[in-house]
Amino acid sequence: MAIQTEFTLRPRSRGFHIITDEVISNLPKLPEAGLLNLFMKHTSAALSINENADPDVQTDLSKIFDNLIAEREPYYVHTLEGDDDMPAHAKSSIVGVSLSIPITNGRLNLGTWQGIYLCEFRLRGKSRKIVATIIS
């Protein structure tokens, strides 16, 4: 059986933001066992699972991605939506827009130090829509 819901994350600035609690608060009651798929309906942000304890990880990830894919490269053709737009699309393609997380004993079965991240790649991110599909 599958249950699907859609919700909107509040806007955030560029960076890597732990959203585990916000995601869980938007989900219906989880089954004893199953799978949660999260799908972001956007092309300039991404979803990831990473370290949830040390905020230095979020800072370092931002620096890594900003150095990996720079703004204002002379070879960019897609430039009408701002200097941060094309790099945001490229970063989103690298990280991805969906996650699958096991559900065990009615809870997300994340590791001790794992959290769900919104990877916002625009300077001033918008509200982000997420489709959550729960399969039991």
N, C-alpha and C. Protein backbone atom coordinates (compact mmCIF):
# COMPACT_ATOMS: atom_id res chain seq x y z
N MET A 1 0.84 -1.17 0.00
CA MET A 1 0.00 0.00 0.00
C MET A 1 0.89 1.25 0.00
N ALA A 2 0.46 2.28 -0.69
CA ALA A 2 1.22 3.53 -0.74
C ALA A 2 0.33 4.69 -0.32
N ILE A 3 0.92 5.61 0.41
CA ILE A 3 0.27 6.85 0.81
C ILE A 3 1.16 7.98 0.30
N GLN A 4 0.53 9.01 -0.23
CA GLN A 4 1.32 10.12 -0.76
C GLN A 4 0.78 11.44 -0.24
N THR A 5 1.71 12.31 0.12
CA THR A 5 1.34 13.65 0.56
C THR A 5 2.35 14.64 -0.01
N GLU A 6 1.92 15.87 -0.14
CA GLU A 6 2.81 16.92 -0.62
C GLU A 6 2.82 18.04 0.41
N PHE A 7 4.00 18.59 0.67
CA PHE A 7 4.11 19.70 1.61
C PHE A 7 5.17 20.67 1.12
N THR A 8 5.20 21.82 1.74
CA THR A 8 6.11 22.89 1.33
C THR A 8 7.06 23.23 2.47
N LEU A 9 8.34 23.25 2.16
CA LEU A 9 9.36 23.68 3.11
C LEU A 9 9.44 25.20 3.09
N ARG A 10 9.69 25.80 4.22
CA ARG A 10 9.83 27.25 4.28
C ARG A 10 11.08 27.68 3.51
N PRO A 11 11.10 28.90 2.99
CA PRO A 11 12.27 29.38 2.25
C PRO A 11 13.51 29.48 3.15
N ARG A 12 14.65 29.20 2.54
CA ARG A 12 15.92 29.31 3.25
C ARG A 12 16.95 29.95 2.32
N SER A 13 17.99 30.50 2.91
CA SER A 13 19.06 31.08 2.11
C SER A 13 19.98 29.96 1.61
N ARG A 14 20.93 30.33 0.77
CA ARG A 14 21.87 29.35 0.24
C ARG A 14 22.57 28.63 1.39
N GLY A 15 22.68 27.32 1.25
CA GLY A 15 23.39 26.53 2.26
C GLY A 15 22.78 25.15 2.41
N PHE A 16 23.32 24.42 3.36
CA PHE A 16 22.89 23.06 3.65
C PHE A 16 22.16 23.10 4.99
N HIS A 17 20.87 22.78 4.96
CA HIS A 17 20.00 22.95 6.12
C HIS A 17 19.41 21.60 6.54
N ILE A 18 19.54 21.29 7.83
CA ILE A 18 18.95 20.05 8.35
C ILE A 18 17.45 20.27 8.51
N ILE A 19 16.67 19.43 7.83
CA ILE A 19 15.21 19.58 7.82
C ILE A 19 14.49 18.35 8.33
N THR A 20 15.20 17.46 9.01
CA THR A 20 14.60 16.19 9.45
C THR A 20 13.30 16.42 10.22
N ASP A 21 13.33 17.29 11.21
CA ASP A 21 12.13 17.52 12.03
C ASP A 21 10.99 18.11 11.22
N GLU A 22 11.32 19.03 10.31
CA GLU A 22 10.28 19.64 9.46
C GLU A 22 9.63 18.59 8.56
N VAL A 23 10.45 17.69 8.01
CA VAL A 23 9.90 16.62 7.17
C VAL A 23 8.99 15.72 8.00
N ILE A 24 9.49 15.25 9.14
CA ILE A 24 8.70 14.33 9.97
C ILE A 24 7.38 14.96 10.39
N SER A 25 7.40 16.26 10.70
CA SER A 25 6.16 16.92 11.14
C SER A 25 5.12 17.02 10.03
N ASN A 26 5.54 16.86 8.79
CA ASN A 26 4.61 16.93 7.66
C ASN A 26 4.16 15.56 7.16
N LEU A 27 4.62 14.50 7.79
CA LEU A 27 4.27 13.15 7.36
C LEU A 27 3.07 12.63 8.15
N PRO A 28 2.26 11.78 7.52
CA PRO A 28 1.22 11.09 8.29
C PRO A 28 1.87 10.02 9.18
N LYS A 29 1.08 9.37 9.97
CA LYS A 29 1.60 8.28 10.82
C LYS A 29 2.30 7.26 9.94
N LEU A 30 3.50 6.90 10.35
CA LEU A 30 4.29 5.96 9.56
C LEU A 30 3.92 4.52 9.90
N PRO A 31 4.00 3.62 8.92
CA PRO A 31 3.72 2.21 9.19
C PRO A 31 4.86 1.59 10.01
N GLU A 32 4.65 0.39 10.50
CA GLU A 32 5.69 -0.31 11.28
C GLU A 32 6.94 -0.55 10.43
N ALA A 33 6.73 -0.90 9.16
CA ALA A 33 7.86 -1.13 8.26
C ALA A 33 7.49 -0.61 6.88
N GLY A 34 8.47 -0.12 6.17
CA GLY A 34 8.21 0.38 4.83
C GLY A 34 9.35 1.23 4.32
N LEU A 35 8.99 2.11 3.42
CA LEU A 35 9.98 2.96 2.77
C LEU A 35 9.37 4.34 2.54
N LEU A 36 10.14 5.37 2.86
CA LEU A 36 9.73 6.75 2.57
C LEU A 36 10.56 7.24 1.41
N ASN A 37 9.88 7.72 0.37
CA ASN A 37 10.57 8.39 -0.72
C ASN A 37 10.20 9.87 -0.66
N LEU A 38 11.23 10.72 -0.69
CA LEU A 38 11.04 12.17 -0.73
C LEU A 38 11.51 12.65 -2.10
N PHE A 39 10.68 13.44 -2.77
CA PHE A 39 11.00 13.96 -4.09
C PHE A 39 10.78 15.46 -4.08
N MET A 40 11.81 16.22 -4.43
CA MET A 40 11.72 17.68 -4.49
C MET A 40 11.34 18.11 -5.90
N LYS A 41 10.34 18.96 -6.00
CA LYS A 41 9.83 19.40 -7.30
C LYS A 41 10.53 20.68 -7.78
N HIS A 42 11.87 20.69 -7.72
CA HIS A 42 12.63 21.88 -8.10
C HIS A 42 13.96 21.47 -8.74
N THR A 43 14.56 22.41 -9.48
CA THR A 43 15.80 22.11 -10.19
C THR A 43 16.99 22.94 -9.73
N SER A 44 16.83 23.71 -8.66
CA SER A 44 17.94 24.51 -8.17
C SER A 44 18.20 24.28 -6.68
N ALA A 45 17.73 23.15 -6.18
CA ALA A 45 17.97 22.72 -4.81
C ALA A 45 18.03 21.19 -4.84
N ALA A 46 18.38 20.59 -3.71
CA ALA A 46 18.52 19.13 -3.69
C ALA A 46 18.21 18.61 -2.29
N LEU A 47 18.14 17.29 -2.19
CA LEU A 47 17.95 16.60 -0.92
C LEU A 47 19.13 15.67 -0.69
N SER A 48 19.57 15.58 0.55
CA SER A 48 20.70 14.71 0.87
C SER A 48 20.55 14.22 2.31
N ILE A 49 21.31 13.20 2.63
CA ILE A 49 21.42 12.75 4.02
C ILE A 49 22.88 12.92 4.41
N ASN A 50 23.09 13.55 5.56
CA ASN A 50 24.46 13.77 6.01
C ASN A 50 24.49 14.01 7.50
N GLU A 51 25.65 14.38 8.00
CA GLU A 51 25.94 14.62 9.42
C GLU A 51 24.91 15.56 10.06
N ASN A 52 24.35 15.15 11.20
CA ASN A 52 23.34 15.99 11.85
C ASN A 52 23.81 16.58 13.18
N ALA A 53 25.07 16.41 13.54
CA ALA A 53 25.52 16.84 14.85
C ALA A 53 26.43 18.07 14.81
N ASP A 54 27.39 18.09 13.93
CA ASP A 54 28.37 19.17 13.90
C ASP A 54 28.04 20.15 12.78
N PRO A 55 27.64 21.39 13.09
CA PRO A 55 27.28 22.37 12.06
C PRO A 55 28.43 22.75 11.14
N ASP A 56 29.67 22.42 11.54
CA ASP A 56 30.81 22.68 10.65
C ASP A 56 30.67 21.91 9.34
N VAL A 57 29.99 20.76 9.38
CA VAL A 57 29.78 19.98 8.16
C VAL A 57 28.96 20.80 7.17
N GLN A 58 27.92 21.46 7.63
CA GLN A 58 27.09 22.29 6.76
C GLN A 58 27.91 23.43 6.14
N THR A 59 28.72 24.07 6.94
CA THR A 59 29.58 25.15 6.46
C THR A 59 30.57 24.63 5.42
N ASP A 60 31.21 23.52 5.73
CA ASP A 60 32.20 22.96 4.80
C ASP A 60 31.56 22.51 3.49
N LEU A 61 30.39 21.87 3.56
CA LEU A 61 29.71 21.46 2.33
C LEU A 61 29.40 22.67 1.45
N SER A 62 28.94 23.74 2.05
CA SER A 62 28.66 24.95 1.27
C SER A 62 29.92 25.45 0.57
N LYS A 63 31.03 25.49 1.28
CA LYS A 63 32.29 25.95 0.69
C LYS A 63 32.75 25.01 -0.42
N ILE A 64 32.64 23.72 -0.21
CA ILE A 64 33.05 22.74 -1.21
C ILE A 64 32.25 22.93 -2.50
N PHE A 65 30.93 23.01 -2.38
CA PHE A 65 30.09 23.14 -3.58
C PHE A 65 30.29 24.48 -4.27
N ASP A 66 30.47 25.56 -3.51
CA ASP A 66 30.70 26.86 -4.13
C ASP A 66 32.04 26.91 -4.86
N ASN A 67 33.02 26.15 -4.39
CA ASN A 67 34.30 26.07 -5.09
C ASN A 67 34.26 25.08 -6.24
N LEU A 68 33.49 24.04 -6.10
CA LEU A 68 33.36 23.03 -7.15
C LEU A 68 32.68 23.59 -8.39
N ILE A 69 31.62 24.37 -8.18
CA ILE A 69 30.86 24.95 -9.29
C ILE A 69 30.72 26.44 -9.03
N ALA A 70 31.52 27.22 -9.73
CA ALA A 70 31.58 28.66 -9.51
C ALA A 70 30.48 29.40 -10.28
N GLU A 71 30.19 30.59 -9.82
CA GLU A 71 29.27 31.48 -10.54
C GLU A 71 30.03 32.25 -11.61
N ARG A 72 29.27 32.80 -12.55
CA ARG A 72 29.79 33.70 -13.59
C ARG A 72 30.89 33.09 -14.46
N GLU A 73 30.80 31.80 -14.73
CA GLU A 73 31.76 31.21 -15.66
C GLU A 73 31.45 31.72 -17.07
N PRO A 74 32.46 32.04 -17.86
CA PRO A 74 32.22 32.63 -19.19
C PRO A 74 31.51 31.68 -20.16
N TYR A 75 31.55 30.40 -19.89
CA TYR A 75 30.93 29.44 -20.80
C TYR A 75 29.45 29.18 -20.48
N TYR A 76 28.89 29.75 -19.41
CA TYR A 76 27.47 29.57 -19.12
C TYR A 76 26.62 30.29 -20.16
N VAL A 77 25.63 29.60 -20.68
CA VAL A 77 24.68 30.17 -21.63
C VAL A 77 23.38 30.55 -20.91
N HIS A 78 22.96 29.74 -19.97
CA HIS A 78 21.73 29.97 -19.19
C HIS A 78 22.04 30.97 -18.08
N THR A 79 21.86 32.27 -18.37
CA THR A 79 22.27 33.31 -17.42
C THR A 79 21.17 34.32 -17.10
N LEU A 80 19.99 34.20 -17.69
CA LEU A 80 18.94 35.20 -17.53
C LEU A 80 18.37 35.29 -16.12
N GLU A 81 18.47 34.22 -15.33
CA GLU A 81 17.85 34.20 -14.01
C GLU A 81 18.83 34.51 -12.88
N GLY A 82 19.99 35.05 -13.21
CA GLY A 82 20.94 35.45 -12.18
C GLY A 82 22.19 34.59 -12.17
N ASP A 83 23.22 35.14 -11.54
CA ASP A 83 24.52 34.46 -11.50
C ASP A 83 24.48 33.14 -10.75
N ASP A 84 23.54 32.99 -9.82
CA ASP A 84 23.49 31.76 -9.02
C ASP A 84 22.62 30.67 -9.63
N ASP A 85 21.91 30.96 -10.72
CA ASP A 85 20.93 30.01 -11.24
C ASP A 85 21.57 28.80 -11.92
N MET A 86 22.42 29.00 -12.90
CA MET A 86 23.02 27.86 -13.59
C MET A 86 23.87 27.02 -12.64
N PRO A 87 24.70 27.62 -11.79
CA PRO A 87 25.41 26.80 -10.82
C PRO A 87 24.45 25.99 -9.93
N ALA A 88 23.31 26.58 -9.57
CA ALA A 88 22.33 25.86 -8.74
C ALA A 88 21.79 24.63 -9.47
N HIS A 89 21.53 24.76 -10.77
CA HIS A 89 21.06 23.60 -11.54
C HIS A 89 22.12 22.50 -11.57
N ALA A 90 23.37 22.88 -11.78
CA ALA A 90 24.45 21.89 -11.84
C ALA A 90 24.61 21.19 -10.50
N LYS A 91 24.60 21.94 -9.41
CA LYS A 91 24.73 21.36 -8.08
C LYS A 91 23.57 20.42 -7.77
N SER A 92 22.37 20.82 -8.17
CA SER A 92 21.19 19.98 -7.96
C SER A 92 21.32 18.65 -8.71
N SER A 93 21.86 18.72 -9.92
CA SER A 93 22.05 17.49 -10.70
C SER A 93 23.05 16.55 -10.04
N ILE A 94 24.08 17.11 -9.43
CA ILE A 94 25.09 16.28 -8.77
C ILE A 94 24.52 15.60 -7.52
N VAL A 95 23.80 16.35 -6.69
CA VAL A 95 23.29 15.81 -5.43
C VAL A 95 22.03 14.98 -5.65
N GLY A 96 21.08 15.49 -6.42
CA GLY A 96 19.84 14.78 -6.69
C GLY A 96 18.65 15.35 -5.94
N VAL A 97 17.47 15.02 -6.42
CA VAL A 97 16.25 15.60 -5.86
C VAL A 97 15.35 14.58 -5.14
N SER A 98 15.87 13.38 -4.91
CA SER A 98 15.04 12.41 -4.19
C SER A 98 15.88 11.56 -3.24
N LEU A 99 15.20 11.08 -2.21
CA LEU A 99 15.81 10.21 -1.20
C LEU A 99 14.86 9.07 -0.90
N SER A 100 15.41 7.92 -0.55
CA SER A 100 14.63 6.81 -0.02
C SER A 100 15.18 6.47 1.35
N ILE A 101 14.29 6.41 2.33
CA ILE A 101 14.69 6.15 3.71
C ILE A 101 13.84 5.00 4.25
N PRO A 102 14.47 3.96 4.81
CA PRO A 102 13.67 2.86 5.38
C PRO A 102 12.89 3.31 6.61
N ILE A 103 11.75 2.68 6.78
CA ILE A 103 10.91 2.89 7.96
C ILE A 103 10.95 1.59 8.76
N THR A 104 11.31 1.70 10.03
CA THR A 104 11.40 0.54 10.91
C THR A 104 10.77 0.89 12.25
N ASN A 105 9.89 0.02 12.73
CA ASN A 105 9.20 0.27 14.01
C ASN A 105 8.49 1.61 14.03
N GLY A 106 7.92 2.01 12.89
CA GLY A 106 7.14 3.24 12.81
C GLY A 106 7.95 4.52 12.81
N ARG A 107 9.28 4.41 12.57
CA ARG A 107 10.15 5.59 12.57
C ARG A 107 11.11 5.53 11.39
N LEU A 108 11.59 6.70 10.99
CA LEU A 108 12.62 6.72 9.96
C LEU A 108 13.87 6.05 10.51
N ASN A 109 14.43 5.14 9.74
CA ASN A 109 15.57 4.35 10.20
C ASN A 109 16.87 5.01 9.72
N LEU A 110 17.11 6.21 10.23
CA LEU A 110 18.34 6.94 9.94
C LEU A 110 19.41 6.53 10.94
N GLY A 111 20.67 6.67 10.53
CA GLY A 111 21.77 6.40 11.44
C GLY A 111 21.82 7.45 12.54
N THR A 112 22.55 7.14 13.59
CA THR A 112 22.65 8.02 14.76
C THR A 112 23.03 9.44 14.39
N TRP A 113 23.94 9.60 13.46
CA TRP A 113 24.47 10.92 13.11
C TRP A 113 23.95 11.40 11.77
N GLN A 114 22.83 10.86 11.30
CA GLN A 114 22.29 11.25 10.00
C GLN A 114 21.08 12.15 10.14
N GLY A 115 21.00 13.14 9.24
CA GLY A 115 19.84 14.01 9.14
C GLY A 115 19.52 14.26 7.69
N ILE A 116 18.28 14.65 7.43
CA ILE A 116 17.84 14.99 6.07
C ILE A 116 18.20 16.45 5.83
N TYR A 117 18.84 16.70 4.70
CA TYR A 117 19.27 18.05 4.34
C TYR A 117 18.47 18.59 3.17
N LEU A 118 18.12 19.86 3.27
CA LEU A 118 17.75 20.65 2.10
C LEU A 118 19.03 21.34 1.67
N CYS A 119 19.46 21.09 0.47
CA CYS A 119 20.64 21.73 -0.10
C CYS A 119 20.12 22.87 -0.97
N GLU A 120 20.14 24.07 -0.44
CA GLU A 120 19.61 25.23 -1.16
C GLU A 120 20.76 25.89 -1.90
N PHE A 121 20.65 25.93 -3.21
CA PHE A 121 21.75 26.42 -4.04
C PHE A 121 21.53 27.83 -4.59
N ARG A 122 20.34 28.40 -4.39
CA ARG A 122 20.11 29.80 -4.78
C ARG A 122 20.45 30.69 -3.59
N LEU A 123 20.87 31.92 -3.88
CA LEU A 123 21.20 32.85 -2.79
C LEU A 123 20.01 33.07 -1.87
N ARG A 124 18.86 33.31 -2.46
CA ARG A 124 17.62 33.48 -1.71
C ARG A 124 16.65 32.42 -2.19
N GLY A 125 16.65 31.30 -1.51
CA GLY A 125 15.80 30.19 -1.92
C GLY A 125 14.33 30.51 -1.74
N LYS A 126 13.54 29.78 -2.48
CA LYS A 126 12.08 29.92 -2.41
C LYS A 126 11.53 28.81 -1.53
N SER A 127 10.23 28.82 -1.33
CA SER A 127 9.57 27.67 -0.73
C SER A 127 9.82 26.48 -1.63
N ARG A 128 10.07 25.34 -1.05
CA ARG A 128 10.39 24.12 -1.82
C ARG A 128 9.31 23.08 -1.58
N LYS A 129 8.74 22.57 -2.67
CA LYS A 129 7.68 21.56 -2.57
C LYS A 129 8.29 20.15 -2.56
N ILE A 130 7.79 19.35 -1.65
CA ILE A 130 8.26 17.97 -1.50
C ILE A 130 7.06 17.02 -1.63
N VAL A 131 7.23 15.98 -2.42
CA VAL A 131 6.25 14.90 -2.49
C VAL A 131 6.81 13.76 -1.64
N ALA A 132 6.05 13.32 -0.66
CA ALA A 132 6.44 12.21 0.20
C ALA A 132 5.56 11.02 -0.12
N THR A 133 6.18 9.91 -0.48
CA THR A 133 5.46 8.68 -0.75
C THR A 133 5.90 7.63 0.26
N ILE A 134 4.93 7.11 0.98
CA ILE A 134 5.20 6.09 2.00
C ILE A 134 4.67 4.76 1.48
N ILE A 135 5.57 3.80 1.39
CA ILE A 135 5.21 2.46 0.90
C ILE A 135 5.33 1.50 2.08
N SER A 136 4.24 0.77 2.33
CA SER A 136 4.29 -0.21 3.43
C SER A 136 4.02 -1.61 2.91
